[in-house]
């Protein structure tokens, strides 16, 4: 069994560009105010979720390892 990622969107930062939905349509949705929400808190780790986080123009998406909380994205400096 592979890693699971906990997905969070900081809606105080989200500008509703929809890039996350474009990269990972199964992972994100926009509400009526065009704010992004993960479709589930935890997802199987996959390249689409990572692309969504990396492609967010305001870096509103964080990915951590479910259970441990270890940061996946953005990378710790």
Protein backbone atom coordinates (compact mmCIF):
# COMPACT_ATOMS: atom_id res chain seq x y z
CA UNK A 1 0.00 0.00 0.00
CA UNK A 2 1.32 3.45 -0.94
CA UNK A 3 1.47 6.71 0.91
CA UNK A 4 -1.63 8.73 1.73
CA UNK A 5 -1.55 12.50 1.69
CA UNK A 6 -3.57 14.86 3.82
CA UNK A 7 -4.71 17.73 1.58
CA UNK A 8 -5.48 21.23 2.84
CA UNK A 9 -6.41 24.45 1.05
CA UNK A 10 -5.92 27.79 2.77
CA UNK A 11 -9.10 29.49 1.61
CA UNK A 12 -7.92 32.83 2.97
CA UNK A 13 -5.23 32.69 0.27
CA UNK A 14 -7.12 30.86 -2.53
CA UNK A 15 -8.02 33.10 -5.49
CA UNK A 16 -10.21 30.54 -7.26
CA UNK A 17 -8.05 30.16 -10.35
CA UNK A 18 -9.24 26.57 -10.78
CA UNK A 19 -5.75 25.29 -11.60
CA UNK A 20 -6.10 22.64 -8.90
CA UNK A 21 -9.31 21.31 -10.44
CA UNK A 22 -7.62 21.34 -13.85
CA UNK A 23 -4.65 19.29 -12.59
CA UNK A 24 -6.55 16.98 -10.21
CA UNK A 25 -10.30 16.97 -10.93
CA UNK A 26 -10.84 14.03 -8.56
CA UNK A 27 -8.98 15.84 -5.78
CA UNK A 28 -10.49 19.32 -5.75
CA UNK A 29 -13.72 21.18 -6.34
CA UNK A 30 -14.66 24.85 -6.41
CA UNK A 31 -17.62 26.04 -4.38
CA UNK A 32 -20.09 28.72 -5.45
CA UNK A 33 -17.67 31.41 -4.24
CA UNK A 34 -14.92 29.84 -6.40
CA UNK A 35 -12.99 28.70 -3.34
CA UNK A 36 -11.13 25.41 -3.63
CA UNK A 37 -11.85 22.46 -1.36
CA UNK A 38 -10.29 18.99 -1.38
CA UNK A 39 -12.85 16.33 -2.29
CA UNK A 40 -11.53 14.29 0.68
CA UNK A 41 -9.12 15.17 3.46
CA UNK A 42 -6.87 12.21 2.65
CA UNK A 43 -6.01 10.85 -0.79
CA UNK A 44 -3.66 8.26 -2.17
CA UNK A 45 -0.43 10.01 -3.09
CA UNK A 46 -0.36 10.77 -6.80
CA UNK A 47 1.27 13.02 -9.37
CA UNK A 48 -1.97 14.89 -10.11
CA UNK A 49 -2.31 16.16 -6.53
CA UNK A 50 1.35 17.18 -6.51
CA UNK A 51 0.92 19.00 -9.84
CA UNK A 52 -2.12 20.81 -8.43
CA UNK A 53 -0.17 21.96 -5.37
CA UNK A 54 2.86 22.97 -7.43
CA UNK A 55 0.67 24.78 -9.97
CA UNK A 56 -1.35 26.83 -7.48
CA UNK A 57 -0.49 30.45 -8.32
CA UNK A 58 -0.78 31.53 -4.67
CA UNK A 59 0.56 28.35 -3.01
CA UNK A 60 -2.69 27.78 -1.09
CA UNK A 61 -2.40 23.96 -1.15
CA UNK A 62 -0.41 21.92 1.34
CA UNK A 63 0.20 18.19 1.22
CA UNK A 64 1.37 16.24 4.25
CA UNK A 65 1.79 12.55 4.91
CA UNK A 66 -1.42 11.34 6.50
CA UNK A 67 -0.74 10.13 10.01
CA UNK A 68 2.72 11.60 10.52
CA UNK A 69 2.08 15.14 9.29
CA UNK A 70 5.44 15.17 7.49
CA UNK A 71 5.43 17.95 4.88
CA UNK A 72 5.31 16.85 1.24
CA UNK A 73 4.51 20.22 -0.37
CA UNK A 74 5.63 22.90 -0.11
CA UNK A 75 9.04 21.44 0.65
CA UNK A 76 10.54 22.48 3.95
CA UNK A 77 13.53 24.75 3.50
